[in-house]
Amino acid sequence: MSPTAASKASSAYSACGHVTFLGAGPGDPGLLTLRAVEALSGADVLIAEPDVLDVVRGHARAGVSTPELAVVDDASMPAGVPVLRDATNLVMEAARGGKRVVRAVSGDPGLDGNAGAEMLACAAEGIPFEVVPGVAAAVGVPAYAGVPLRDAEGADVRFVEARTASERCWSEVGASDGTVVVSTSLDSVAAAAGELVSAGRKPDTPLTVTVAGTTTRQRTWTATLGSIAQVLKQAKVLPSPEGHQPVIAVVGERSAAAQRDRLAWFESKPLFGWKVLVPRTKEQAASLSDQLRSYGAVPSEVPTIAVEPPRTPQQMERAVKGLVTGRYEWIAFTSVNAVKAVREKFEEYGLDARAFAGIKVAAVGEQTAASLVEFGVKPDLVPSGEQSAAGLLEDWPPYDPVFDPIDRVFLPRADIATETLVAGLIELGWEVDDVTAYRTVRASPPPAETREAIKGGGFDAVLFTSSSTVRNLVGIAGKPHNVTVIACIGPATAKTAEEHGLRVDVLSPEPSVHKLAEALAEFGMRRRTAALEAGDPVTRPSERRPGARRRRTTT
């Protein structure tokens, strides 16, 4: 290529956009690759089907464009099931406009025929593109269902797309004795099993069928080729609107289907599928919700308290100025909100963490300490025992005029904070500037759907982290249904819950939100173990309320 031609090509390359074809995996957002997360963070336009969009959207930058795909009918799909198309036009239009486009598909792009066509369209117009592989459903779903596809002897594994499989394909996999992974729909599983039996597989060949794989809605049935139709009928999932849902079926004597009761690591998590209400703001609940998800739960964050600035900011302003001019020996933070309030005031004055130089810093609670570290401040004192005002006082040194040049403590707090800490510090000889850094007010009621779920037993558990969360949740949304498991962070919170007519099922051994989540997980595991030992189906608390849909769950 001549220098002129190369220059023109380079110019054309830089003038157009770029497309990343990205595999979003089978459903669990945690299965996205590091490269996928990197690509999403730099996207100008994100194009994906609604279910895939939910998986990837959280990693895209704020303001990313997410055009909707056109909905059309497809005669090859079951009646009433829409198909999303026209992605090619959206991809090409954005790329021609110089945008960085991420085209996200379920599973892996290499197994998506539409993605292949879109790649060819990019190649035809000279639009640069790349492919970020994803975990294919045919591999990821069996792993989450506890069904290894190969044994120690290395059995042959074959993959079949039932909707497009030819008679020859069925004959070949039916004649083999290897493991067959079939991608199909719930209402077509029995037909696929019949094809395999007709092709030579024995009716007593084991198989597993998994729907909504890798998500907390995952359900798996274990049967044989000859019995799967009856098993699904007894489970009351067919016929039903669920019938068109995609499933992964694994067939074969060597697929470890018979050992699934020991290998089903995902569905045997202590809170698998539990809908847990977390009455905290999204910021406060982030790490707690992550912990609950690790137990298999589906957390729902509902703020019960809103944080607002103090009505008169002058007191806070004087205290922050005093912090800079050396008025205080100590500053004590009892909440994340207090840290946030001081940090915002610092930013207003153009200050940063260096203003804490020479001042001792105390913090109550893991999250409060973590928020200080994020600000650039390492606490000098965190309670060694109970994470509370009382615990902090047990470790707080008395004022000593010889060693302490200043006798004053800055205490930024909520307007409704108790006087325990102030009284204790004064008793130890300290002067305290007890400053209202923020006000707590009752949050607005959650959406009607959430309120109905709370009162109607739609949640399996509620985590109460303070007495105020009990009072405020009942005030804005109503009292949780009596089938809902009530978990409280401490005796005071439990007492408030009981005063509101709630039965407390779980009490945290320590006043820590993470210990509270652990205690709920232990409760869930004991409940699960008891059901298995009694030979009963493992159900969630919400499934036992009057009128709730009862179904048999295979474990």
Protein backbone atom coordinates (compact mmCIF):
# COMPACT_ATOMS: atom_id res chain seq x y z
CA MET A 1 0.00 0.00 0.00
CA SER A 2 1.33 3.45 -0.94
CA PRO A 3 1.86 6.09 1.76
CA THR A 4 -1.08 8.08 0.34
CA ALA A 5 -3.38 5.06 0.40
CA ALA A 6 -2.24 4.17 3.91
CA SER A 7 -2.92 7.74 5.03
CA LYS A 8 -6.43 7.63 3.56
CA ALA A 9 -7.11 4.29 5.22
CA SER A 10 -5.89 5.61 8.56
CA SER A 11 -8.07 8.70 8.18
CA ALA A 12 -11.13 6.58 7.35
CA TYR A 13 -10.42 4.33 10.34
CA SER A 14 -10.26 7.26 12.75
CA ALA A 15 -13.37 8.91 11.25
CA CYS A 16 -15.69 5.97 11.93
CA GLY A 17 -16.62 4.48 15.22
CA HIS A 18 -15.80 1.14 16.75
CA VAL A 19 -17.98 -1.83 17.71
CA THR A 20 -17.36 -4.31 20.50
CA PHE A 21 -19.38 -7.52 20.28
CA LEU A 22 -19.57 -8.57 23.89
CA GLY A 23 -20.71 -11.81 25.51
CA ALA A 24 -22.77 -11.06 28.63
CA GLY A 25 -22.85 -14.67 29.80
CA PRO A 26 -25.91 -16.71 30.78
CA GLY A 27 -27.39 -14.34 33.37
CA ASP A 28 -25.18 -13.87 36.43
CA PRO A 29 -23.57 -10.39 36.18
CA GLY A 30 -20.60 -11.77 38.11
CA LEU A 31 -19.64 -13.85 35.07
CA LEU A 32 -18.72 -10.80 32.97
CA THR A 33 -15.03 -10.81 32.12
CA LEU A 34 -12.63 -8.02 33.11
CA ARG A 35 -12.30 -7.12 29.43
CA ALA A 36 -16.10 -6.86 29.16
CA VAL A 37 -16.24 -4.46 32.11
CA GLU A 38 -13.47 -2.36 30.57
CA ALA A 39 -15.27 -2.17 27.22
CA LEU A 40 -18.57 -1.23 28.86
CA SER A 41 -16.97 1.61 30.82
CA GLY A 42 -15.85 3.25 27.56
CA ALA A 43 -19.04 2.79 25.52
CA ASP A 44 -20.94 5.72 24.00
CA VAL A 45 -23.80 3.47 22.87
CA LEU A 46 -24.95 0.21 24.48
CA ILE A 47 -27.22 -2.05 22.42
CA ALA A 48 -28.72 -5.14 24.03
CA GLU A 49 -31.94 -7.04 24.63
CA PRO A 50 -33.70 -6.03 27.89
CA ASP A 51 -32.57 -9.08 29.89
CA VAL A 52 -28.97 -8.64 28.76
CA LEU A 53 -29.13 -4.88 29.35
CA ASP A 54 -29.94 -5.52 33.00
CA VAL A 55 -26.73 -7.56 33.31
CA VAL A 56 -24.35 -5.06 31.70
CA ARG A 57 -25.86 -1.62 32.37
CA GLY A 58 -24.28 -1.27 35.81
CA HIS A 59 -20.78 -1.23 34.31
CA ALA A 60 -21.54 1.42 31.66
CA ARG A 61 -20.72 5.06 32.30
CA ALA A 62 -23.42 7.54 33.27
CA GLY A 63 -25.23 8.96 30.27
CA VAL A 64 -24.52 6.07 27.91
CA SER A 65 -27.12 5.81 25.14
CA THR A 66 -29.23 2.64 25.25
CA PRO A 67 -31.49 2.62 22.17
CA GLU A 68 -34.33 0.09 22.26
CA LEU A 69 -34.44 -2.75 19.77
CA ALA A 70 -37.50 -3.08 17.57
CA VAL A 71 -40.00 -5.75 18.64
CA VAL A 72 -41.31 -7.99 15.88
CA ASP A 73 -43.13 -11.32 15.70
CA ASP A 74 -41.27 -14.41 14.56
CA ALA A 75 -43.25 -17.36 13.21
CA SER A 76 -40.48 -19.75 14.28
CA MET A 77 -40.99 -18.86 17.95
CA PRO A 78 -43.91 -19.93 20.18
CA ALA A 79 -47.06 -17.84 19.85
CA GLY A 80 -46.96 -14.53 21.66
CA VAL A 81 -43.19 -14.52 22.16
CA PRO A 82 -41.71 -11.32 20.67
CA VAL A 83 -38.28 -11.26 19.07
CA LEU A 84 -35.99 -8.25 19.20
CA ARG A 85 -34.40 -7.42 15.87
CA ASP A 86 -33.03 -4.53 13.85
CA ALA A 87 -29.87 -4.42 15.96
CA THR A 88 -27.75 -4.28 12.79
CA ASN A 89 -29.19 -0.92 11.76
CA LEU A 90 -28.70 0.52 15.24
CA VAL A 91 -25.12 -0.73 15.43
CA MET A 92 -24.19 0.57 11.98
CA GLU A 93 -25.86 3.95 12.43
CA ALA A 94 -24.03 4.60 15.72
CA ALA A 95 -20.69 3.38 14.37
CA ARG A 96 -21.00 5.53 11.24
CA GLY A 97 -21.48 8.49 13.58
CA GLY A 98 -18.10 7.88 15.18
CA LYS A 99 -19.46 6.29 18.38
CA ARG A 100 -17.88 3.54 20.43
CA VAL A 101 -20.60 0.89 20.37
CA VAL A 102 -20.96 -2.12 22.63
CA ARG A 103 -23.28 -4.76 21.22
CA ALA A 104 -24.02 -7.10 24.12
CA VAL A 105 -25.51 -10.53 23.53
CA SER A 106 -26.46 -13.36 25.86
CA GLY A 107 -23.82 -16.06 26.31
CA ASP A 108 -20.97 -15.81 23.80
CA PRO A 109 -21.00 -13.77 20.54
CA GLY A 110 -19.46 -16.65 18.61
CA LEU A 111 -22.59 -18.73 19.27
CA ASP A 112 -25.02 -15.94 18.33
CA GLY A 113 -25.98 -16.05 14.66
CA ASN A 114 -27.30 -12.48 14.63
CA ALA A 115 -24.03 -11.18 16.08
CA GLY A 116 -22.15 -12.97 13.29
CA ALA A 117 -24.29 -11.20 10.68
CA GLU A 118 -23.66 -7.86 12.35
CA MET A 119 -19.89 -8.50 12.32
CA LEU A 120 -20.07 -9.14 8.57
CA ALA A 121 -21.96 -5.87 8.09
CA CYS A 122 -19.19 -4.01 9.96
CA ALA A 123 -16.50 -5.74 7.89
CA ALA A 124 -18.28 -4.83 4.64
CA GLU A 125 -18.18 -1.12 5.52
CA GLY A 126 -14.70 -1.15 7.00
CA ILE A 127 -15.91 -0.41 10.51
CA PRO A 128 -13.36 -1.73 13.04
CA PHE A 129 -14.73 -4.20 15.58
CA GLU A 130 -13.57 -6.60 18.24
CA VAL A 131 -15.08 -9.60 20.01
CA VAL A 132 -15.09 -10.06 23.79
CA PRO A 133 -16.01 -13.70 24.51
CA GLY A 134 -18.52 -14.56 27.21
CA VAL A 135 -19.50 -17.66 29.16
CA ALA A 136 -21.81 -19.71 26.95
CA ALA A 137 -25.09 -20.83 28.57
CA ALA A 138 -24.45 -24.42 27.48
CA VAL A 139 -21.32 -24.44 29.67
CA GLY A 140 -22.14 -21.97 32.45
CA VAL A 141 -25.61 -23.25 33.32
CA PRO A 142 -24.59 -26.89 33.96
CA ALA A 143 -21.72 -25.61 36.13
CA TYR A 144 -24.19 -23.64 38.28
CA ALA A 145 -26.58 -26.60 38.35
CA GLY A 146 -23.86 -28.84 39.78
CA VAL A 147 -23.63 -31.02 36.67
CA PRO A 148 -20.03 -31.52 35.43
CA LEU A 149 -20.06 -32.33 31.71
CA ARG A 150 -17.10 -34.68 31.83
CA ASP A 151 -15.98 -37.35 34.22
CA ALA A 152 -12.44 -38.49 34.99
CA GLU A 153 -12.47 -40.69 31.89
CA GLY A 154 -13.09 -37.73 29.61
CA ALA A 155 -16.49 -38.57 28.14
CA ASP A 156 -17.42 -37.09 24.75
CA VAL A 157 -19.59 -33.95 25.04
CA ARG A 158 -21.93 -32.78 22.28
CA PHE A 159 -24.00 -29.62 22.06
CA VAL A 160 -27.38 -29.42 20.35
CA GLU A 161 -29.62 -26.43 19.58
CA ALA A 162 -32.98 -28.21 19.58
CA ARG A 163 -34.85 -25.57 17.55
CA THR A 164 -32.55 -25.94 14.54
CA ALA A 165 -31.31 -29.52 14.98
CA SER A 166 -31.70 -31.77 11.94
CA GLU A 167 -32.77 -35.42 11.94
CA ARG A 168 -29.17 -36.34 11.19
CA CYS A 169 -27.97 -34.39 14.23
CA TRP A 170 -30.39 -36.23 16.54
CA SER A 171 -29.32 -39.55 15.04
CA GLU A 172 -25.64 -38.83 15.66
CA VAL A 173 -26.02 -37.77 19.29
CA GLY A 174 -28.51 -40.55 19.92
CA ALA A 175 -26.07 -43.16 18.66
CA SER A 176 -23.24 -41.93 20.91
CA ASP A 177 -22.86 -42.70 24.59
CA GLY A 178 -21.40 -39.30 25.47
CA THR A 179 -22.96 -36.38 27.29
CA VAL A 180 -25.43 -34.27 25.32
CA VAL A 181 -26.14 -30.64 26.24
CA VAL A 182 -29.43 -29.52 24.70
CA SER A 183 -30.46 -25.86 24.42
CA THR A 184 -34.24 -25.79 24.19
CA SER A 185 -37.36 -24.36 25.87
CA LEU A 186 -39.24 -25.69 28.86
CA ASP A 187 -42.23 -26.83 26.83
CA SER A 188 -39.98 -28.55 24.27
CA VAL A 189 -37.85 -30.60 26.67
CA ALA A 190 -40.07 -33.68 26.42
CA ALA A 191 -39.98 -33.52 22.61
CA ALA A 192 -36.17 -33.31 22.66
CA ALA A 193 -36.05 -36.28 25.04
CA GLY A 194 -38.30 -38.20 22.65
CA GLU A 195 -35.95 -37.43 19.74
CA LEU A 196 -33.03 -38.87 21.67
CA VAL A 197 -34.95 -42.02 22.65
CA SER A 198 -36.05 -42.49 19.03
CA ALA A 199 -32.42 -42.13 17.97
CA GLY A 200 -31.28 -44.91 20.29
CA ARG A 201 -30.80 -43.51 23.77
CA LYS A 202 -32.31 -45.61 26.57
CA PRO A 203 -35.41 -44.13 28.27
CA ASP A 204 -33.73 -44.55 31.68
CA THR A 205 -30.81 -42.29 30.69
CA PRO A 206 -30.45 -39.58 33.39
CA LEU A 207 -30.90 -35.91 32.57
CA THR A 208 -31.16 -32.59 34.33
CA VAL A 209 -33.21 -29.62 33.15
CA THR A 210 -32.30 -26.12 34.36
CA VAL A 211 -34.33 -22.96 33.82
CA ALA A 212 -33.08 -19.38 34.51
CA GLY A 213 -29.59 -20.80 34.99
CA THR A 214 -26.94 -18.81 36.93
CA THR A 215 -29.59 -16.47 38.38
CA THR A 216 -31.34 -16.62 41.74
CA ARG A 217 -34.47 -17.78 39.89
CA GLN A 218 -32.65 -20.95 38.82
CA ARG A 219 -34.55 -24.21 39.18
CA THR A 220 -33.30 -27.67 38.27
CA TRP A 221 -35.17 -30.94 37.86
CA THR A 222 -33.49 -34.36 37.77
CA ALA A 223 -35.24 -37.12 35.82
CA THR A 224 -34.71 -39.56 32.93
CA LEU A 225 -35.46 -39.24 29.24
CA GLY A 226 -38.56 -41.31 29.76
CA SER A 227 -39.84 -39.54 32.88
CA ILE A 228 -39.06 -35.88 32.29
CA ALA A 229 -42.53 -35.07 30.90
CA GLN A 230 -44.19 -36.49 34.02
CA VAL A 231 -41.71 -34.77 36.36
CA LEU A 232 -42.41 -31.35 34.82
CA LYS A 233 -46.15 -32.03 34.95
CA GLN A 234 -45.97 -32.94 38.65
CA ALA A 235 -43.93 -29.78 39.28
CA LYS A 236 -46.87 -27.85 37.76
CA VAL A 237 -44.68 -25.83 35.42
CA LEU A 238 -46.35 -27.19 32.29
CA PRO A 239 -48.54 -26.12 30.72
CA SER A 240 -48.00 -22.53 31.91
CA PRO A 241 -46.77 -19.14 30.68
CA GLU A 242 -43.30 -20.28 31.79
CA GLY A 243 -43.24 -22.87 29.02
CA HIS A 244 -41.35 -20.76 26.46
CA GLN A 245 -38.46 -20.07 28.86
CA PRO A 246 -35.09 -21.27 27.55
CA VAL A 247 -33.54 -24.19 29.40
CA ILE A 248 -30.38 -26.24 29.32
CA ALA A 249 -30.81 -30.00 29.52
CA VAL A 250 -27.85 -32.28 30.20
CA VAL A 251 -28.25 -35.92 29.15
CA GLY A 252 -25.99 -38.88 29.84
CA GLU A 253 -24.96 -41.56 32.31
CA ARG A 254 -21.56 -39.91 32.71
CA SER A 255 -22.78 -36.35 33.26
CA ALA A 256 -22.93 -36.77 37.06
CA ALA A 257 -26.68 -36.05 37.09
CA ALA A 258 -27.08 -38.74 39.73
CA GLN A 259 -24.62 -36.90 42.00
CA ARG A 260 -26.30 -33.52 41.73
CA ASP A 261 -27.54 -33.68 45.31
CA ARG A 262 -23.90 -33.40 46.39
CA LEU A 263 -22.69 -31.03 43.67
CA ALA A 264 -25.53 -28.47 43.53
CA TRP A 265 -23.47 -25.72 45.14
CA PHE A 266 -25.50 -22.78 43.80
CA GLU A 267 -29.07 -23.79 44.60
CA SER A 268 -27.99 -25.05 48.03
CA LYS A 269 -26.82 -21.62 49.22
CA PRO A 270 -28.42 -20.79 52.58
CA LEU A 271 -30.66 -17.99 51.31
CA PHE A 272 -31.03 -19.11 47.71
CA GLY A 273 -33.81 -17.15 46.04
CA TRP A 274 -34.84 -15.36 49.25
CA LYS A 275 -36.14 -11.85 48.67
CA VAL A 276 -34.63 -9.84 51.51
CA LEU A 277 -35.76 -6.33 52.33
CA VAL A 278 -32.92 -4.03 53.39
CA PRO A 279 -34.39 -0.82 54.85
CA ARG A 280 -31.35 1.34 54.09
CA THR A 281 -30.30 3.70 51.33
CA LYS A 282 -28.47 2.24 48.34
CA GLU A 283 -25.21 3.85 49.51
CA GLN A 284 -25.51 2.41 53.02
CA ALA A 285 -26.69 -1.00 51.81
CA ALA A 286 -24.10 -1.63 49.08
CA SER A 287 -21.73 -3.95 50.99
CA LEU A 288 -24.61 -5.56 52.90
CA SER A 289 -26.47 -6.33 49.67
CA ASP A 290 -23.30 -7.82 48.17
CA GLN A 291 -22.98 -10.07 51.22
CA LEU A 292 -26.60 -11.18 50.92
CA ARG A 293 -26.11 -11.99 47.23
CA SER A 294 -23.15 -14.20 48.18
CA TYR A 295 -25.66 -16.26 50.21
CA GLY A 296 -27.96 -16.54 47.19
CA ALA A 297 -30.45 -13.87 48.29
CA VAL A 298 -32.09 -11.16 46.20
CA PRO A 299 -31.74 -7.95 48.22
CA SER A 300 -34.20 -5.09 47.79
CA GLU A 301 -33.07 -1.76 49.21
CA VAL A 302 -35.85 0.47 50.57
CA PRO A 303 -34.72 3.68 52.30
CA THR A 304 -36.68 4.42 55.46
CA ILE A 305 -34.62 7.46 56.49
CA ALA A 306 -33.67 10.46 54.38
CA VAL A 307 -30.67 12.56 55.34
CA GLU A 308 -30.92 16.36 55.09
CA PRO A 309 -28.59 19.24 56.04
CA PRO A 310 -29.11 20.89 59.46
CA ARG A 311 -31.65 23.70 59.53
CA THR A 312 -28.99 26.11 60.82
CA PRO A 313 -25.58 25.39 59.23
CA GLN A 314 -23.64 28.00 61.25
CA GLN A 315 -22.82 25.60 64.11
CA MET A 316 -21.31 23.08 61.68
CA GLU A 317 -19.40 25.81 59.87
CA ARG A 318 -17.84 27.10 63.11
CA ALA A 319 -16.84 23.58 64.14
CA VAL A 320 -15.11 22.84 60.82
CA LYS A 321 -13.22 26.13 61.02
CA GLY A 322 -12.25 25.24 64.59
CA LEU A 323 -10.98 21.90 63.34
CA VAL A 324 -8.55 23.72 61.04
CA THR A 325 -7.43 26.28 63.63
CA GLY A 326 -6.58 23.72 66.32
CA ARG A 327 -9.62 23.94 68.58
CA TYR A 328 -9.96 20.16 68.99
CA GLU A 329 -7.87 17.26 70.26
CA TRP A 330 -10.33 14.63 68.97
CA ILE A 331 -13.09 14.23 66.39
CA ALA A 332 -15.46 11.27 66.80
CA PHE A 333 -17.54 9.84 63.95
CA THR A 334 -20.43 7.59 64.90
CA SER A 335 -21.89 7.04 61.40
CA VAL A 336 -21.13 7.09 57.70
CA ASN A 337 -23.52 10.03 57.36
CA ALA A 338 -21.40 12.05 59.81
CA VAL A 339 -18.30 11.38 57.71
CA LYS A 340 -20.20 12.39 54.59
CA ALA A 341 -21.44 15.62 56.19
CA VAL A 342 -17.94 16.69 57.29
CA ARG A 343 -16.45 15.70 53.94
CA GLU A 344 -19.02 17.77 52.05
CA LYS A 345 -18.28 20.78 54.27
CA PHE A 346 -14.55 20.27 53.65
CA GLU A 347 -15.11 20.27 49.89
CA GLU A 348 -17.21 23.43 50.22
CA TYR A 349 -14.22 25.16 51.83
CA GLY A 350 -11.63 23.62 49.51
CA LEU A 351 -10.18 21.41 52.25
CA ASP A 352 -9.09 17.77 52.11
CA ALA A 353 -7.95 15.04 54.50
CA ARG A 354 -4.76 16.97 55.33
CA ALA A 355 -6.88 19.21 57.59
CA PHE A 356 -7.01 16.30 60.06
CA ALA A 357 -3.24 16.53 60.68
CA GLY A 358 -2.52 16.59 64.40
CA ILE A 359 -6.08 15.61 65.35
CA LYS A 360 -6.98 12.20 66.75
CA VAL A 361 -9.87 10.51 64.94
CA ALA A 362 -12.30 7.97 66.42
CA ALA A 363 -14.87 5.91 64.52
CA VAL A 364 -17.72 3.60 65.52
CA GLY A 365 -18.39 0.70 63.16
CA GLU A 366 -16.64 -0.98 60.26
CA GLN A 367 -18.43 1.04 57.61
CA THR A 368 -17.72 4.35 59.32
CA ALA A 369 -14.03 3.47 59.54
CA ALA A 370 -14.03 2.37 55.89
CA SER A 371 -15.61 5.64 54.75
CA LEU A 372 -12.89 7.56 56.62
CA VAL A 373 -10.16 5.51 54.97
CA GLU A 374 -11.78 6.22 51.60
CA PHE A 375 -11.58 9.93 52.51
CA GLY A 376 -7.85 9.48 53.24
CA VAL A 377 -8.07 9.36 57.05
CA LYS A 378 -7.04 6.36 59.14
CA PRO A 379 -8.92 6.26 62.47
CA ASP A 380 -6.78 6.33 65.60
CA LEU A 381 -9.47 4.67 67.70
CA VAL A 382 -12.11 2.08 66.83
CA PRO A 383 -13.92 0.20 69.63
CA SER A 384 -12.21 -3.10 70.35
CA GLY A 385 -15.49 -4.62 71.47
CA GLU A 386 -19.06 -3.56 70.83
CA GLN A 387 -19.35 -1.17 67.88
CA SER A 388 -21.48 1.43 69.65
CA ALA A 389 -21.17 4.62 71.67
CA ALA A 390 -20.82 2.49 74.81
CA GLY A 391 -18.08 0.42 73.18
CA LEU A 392 -16.23 3.56 72.15
CA LEU A 393 -16.39 4.96 75.70
CA GLU A 394 -14.85 1.77 77.10
CA ASP A 395 -11.70 2.40 75.04
CA TRP A 396 -11.66 6.22 75.15
CA PRO A 397 -8.81 7.61 77.31
CA PRO A 398 -9.63 10.06 80.13
CA TYR A 399 -8.48 13.63 79.68
CA ASP A 400 -4.96 14.15 80.97
CA PRO A 401 -3.76 17.78 81.11
CA VAL A 402 -0.15 16.62 80.96
CA PHE A 403 -0.46 14.62 77.73
CA ASP A 404 -3.47 16.34 76.13
CA PRO A 405 -2.74 19.97 75.22
CA ILE A 406 -6.41 20.49 74.22
CA ASP A 407 -9.41 19.20 76.14
CA ARG A 408 -12.11 19.51 73.46
CA VAL A 409 -13.83 16.89 71.28
CA PHE A 410 -15.74 17.62 68.05
CA LEU A 411 -18.74 15.29 67.77
CA PRO A 412 -20.66 15.66 64.45
CA ARG A 413 -23.91 13.73 64.77
CA ALA A 414 -27.53 13.35 63.73
CA ASP A 415 -30.17 15.57 65.25
CA ILE A 416 -31.81 12.57 66.95
CA ALA A 417 -28.64 11.00 68.40
CA THR A 418 -28.70 9.84 72.01
CA GLU A 419 -26.69 11.59 74.73
CA THR A 420 -24.78 8.48 75.84
CA LEU A 421 -21.51 9.45 74.16
CA VAL A 422 -21.63 13.10 75.20
CA ALA A 423 -22.29 12.25 78.85
CA GLY A 424 -19.57 9.61 78.87
CA LEU A 425 -16.94 11.93 77.38
CA ILE A 426 -17.78 14.68 79.89
CA GLU A 427 -17.42 12.14 82.70
CA LEU A 428 -13.94 11.32 81.36
CA GLY A 429 -13.02 14.99 81.68
CA TRP A 430 -13.48 16.17 78.08
CA GLU A 431 -15.31 19.22 76.79
CA VAL A 432 -17.61 18.28 73.91
CA ASP A 433 -18.88 20.31 70.97
CA ASP A 434 -21.98 18.28 70.17
CA VAL A 435 -22.80 19.50 66.66
CA THR A 436 -25.80 18.63 64.47
CA ALA A 437 -24.11 17.64 61.20
CA TYR A 438 -27.26 16.31 59.54
CA ARG A 439 -30.93 15.70 60.13
CA THR A 440 -32.72 12.38 59.69
CA VAL A 441 -36.28 12.45 58.44
CA ARG A 442 -38.69 9.73 57.46
CA ALA A 443 -38.24 8.76 53.81
CA SER A 444 -41.04 8.85 51.27
CA PRO A 445 -43.16 5.68 50.98
CA PRO A 446 -41.82 3.06 48.54
CA PRO A 447 -43.78 2.21 45.36
CA ALA A 448 -47.20 0.58 45.81
CA GLU A 449 -45.87 -2.75 44.53
CA THR A 450 -43.22 -2.81 47.27
CA ARG A 451 -45.72 -1.85 49.98
CA GLU A 452 -48.03 -4.65 48.88
CA ALA A 453 -45.14 -7.14 48.93
CA ILE A 454 -44.19 -6.06 52.46
CA LYS A 455 -47.71 -6.40 53.86
CA GLY A 456 -48.66 -9.40 51.72
CA GLY A 457 -45.67 -11.63 52.48
CA GLY A 458 -43.82 -11.12 49.22
CA PHE A 459 -40.52 -10.75 51.06
CA ASP A 460 -38.86 -13.71 52.74
CA ALA A 461 -36.95 -11.65 55.31
CA VAL A 462 -36.43 -8.10 56.57
CA LEU A 463 -33.18 -6.87 58.12
CA PHE A 464 -33.73 -4.20 60.77
CA THR A 465 -30.51 -2.34 61.59
CA SER A 466 -31.92 0.10 64.16
CA SER A 467 -35.08 0.91 66.07
CA SER A 468 -35.72 3.84 63.73
CA THR A 469 -35.75 1.52 60.70
CA VAL A 470 -38.50 -0.51 62.39
CA ARG A 471 -40.61 2.53 63.20
CA ASN A 472 -40.09 4.18 59.84
CA LEU A 473 -40.68 1.07 57.72
CA VAL A 474 -43.95 0.35 59.50
CA GLY A 475 -44.85 4.03 59.16
CA ILE A 476 -44.23 4.36 55.43
CA ALA A 477 -45.04 0.86 54.20
CA GLY A 478 -46.97 -1.07 56.85
CA LYS A 479 -46.16 -4.05 59.04
CA PRO A 480 -44.38 -7.02 57.38
CA HIS A 481 -46.50 -10.17 56.94
CA ASN A 482 -46.23 -12.78 59.70
CA VAL A 483 -44.53 -15.31 57.36
CA THR A 484 -41.64 -12.88 56.82
CA VAL A 485 -38.50 -13.67 58.81
CA ILE A 486 -37.61 -10.70 61.02
CA ALA A 487 -33.88 -10.21 61.73
CA CYS A 488 -32.70 -7.52 64.16
CA ILE A 489 -29.25 -6.11 64.82
CA GLY A 490 -29.55 -6.00 68.62
CA PRO A 491 -31.82 -6.25 71.68
CA ALA A 492 -33.03 -2.62 71.47
CA THR A 493 -34.05 -3.04 67.84
CA ALA A 494 -35.69 -6.39 68.64
CA LYS A 495 -37.67 -4.78 71.47
CA THR A 496 -38.94 -2.07 69.11
CA ALA A 497 -39.93 -4.73 66.56
CA GLU A 498 -41.86 -6.67 69.19
CA GLU A 499 -43.59 -3.46 70.33
CA HIS A 500 -44.84 -3.13 66.76
CA GLY A 501 -46.28 -6.64 66.85
CA LEU A 502 -43.46 -8.38 64.97
CA ARG A 503 -42.05 -11.81 65.81
CA VAL A 504 -38.24 -11.63 65.95
CA ASP A 505 -36.69 -14.76 64.40
CA VAL A 506 -33.03 -13.77 64.14
CA LEU A 507 -30.90 -11.68 66.50
CA SER A 508 -27.37 -10.68 65.52
CA PRO A 509 -24.71 -11.82 68.02
CA GLU A 510 -23.00 -8.44 67.57
CA PRO A 511 -24.27 -4.96 66.57
CA SER A 512 -22.84 -5.28 63.05
CA VAL A 513 -24.80 -5.36 59.79
CA HIS A 514 -22.50 -8.05 58.44
CA LYS A 515 -22.94 -10.22 61.54
CA LEU A 516 -26.68 -9.71 61.12
CA ALA A 517 -26.51 -11.00 57.54
CA GLU A 518 -24.42 -13.97 58.73
CA ALA A 519 -27.01 -14.75 61.38
CA LEU A 520 -29.79 -14.71 58.78
CA ALA A 521 -27.76 -17.04 56.53
CA GLU A 522 -27.27 -19.46 59.44
CA PHE A 523 -31.02 -19.35 60.10
CA GLY A 524 -31.70 -20.11 56.43
CA MET A 525 -29.24 -23.03 56.43
CA ARG A 526 -30.81 -24.55 59.56
CA ARG A 527 -34.22 -24.23 57.98
CA ARG A 528 -33.01 -25.86 54.77
CA THR A 529 -31.28 -28.71 56.63
CA ALA A 530 -34.39 -29.41 58.71
CA ALA A 531 -36.57 -29.62 55.58
CA LEU A 532 -34.16 -32.05 53.88
CA GLU A 533 -33.87 -34.24 56.97
CA ALA A 534 -37.66 -34.39 57.22
CA GLY A 535 -37.97 -35.25 53.53
CA ASP A 536 -39.88 -32.05 52.83
CA PRO A 537 -39.37 -29.76 49.85
CA VAL A 538 -37.09 -26.78 50.44
CA THR A 539 -39.29 -23.69 50.24
CA ARG A 540 -38.84 -20.00 50.95
CA PRO A 541 -40.86 -18.37 53.77
CA SER A 542 -42.91 -16.36 51.26
CA GLU A 543 -44.08 -19.59 49.60
CA ARG A 544 -45.90 -20.59 52.78
CA ARG A 545 -48.21 -17.59 52.98
CA PRO A 546 -51.91 -18.13 52.22
CA GLY A 547 -52.52 -18.06 48.50
CA ALA A 548 -48.85 -18.32 47.61
CA ARG A 549 -48.02 -20.58 44.72
CA ARG A 550 -46.77 -23.87 46.07
CA ARG A 551 -44.31 -25.78 43.99
CA ARG A 552 -42.00 -28.66 44.50
CA THR A 553 -38.34 -27.78 44.41
CA THR A 554 -35.82 -30.46 43.51
CA THR A 555 -32.59 -30.06 45.42
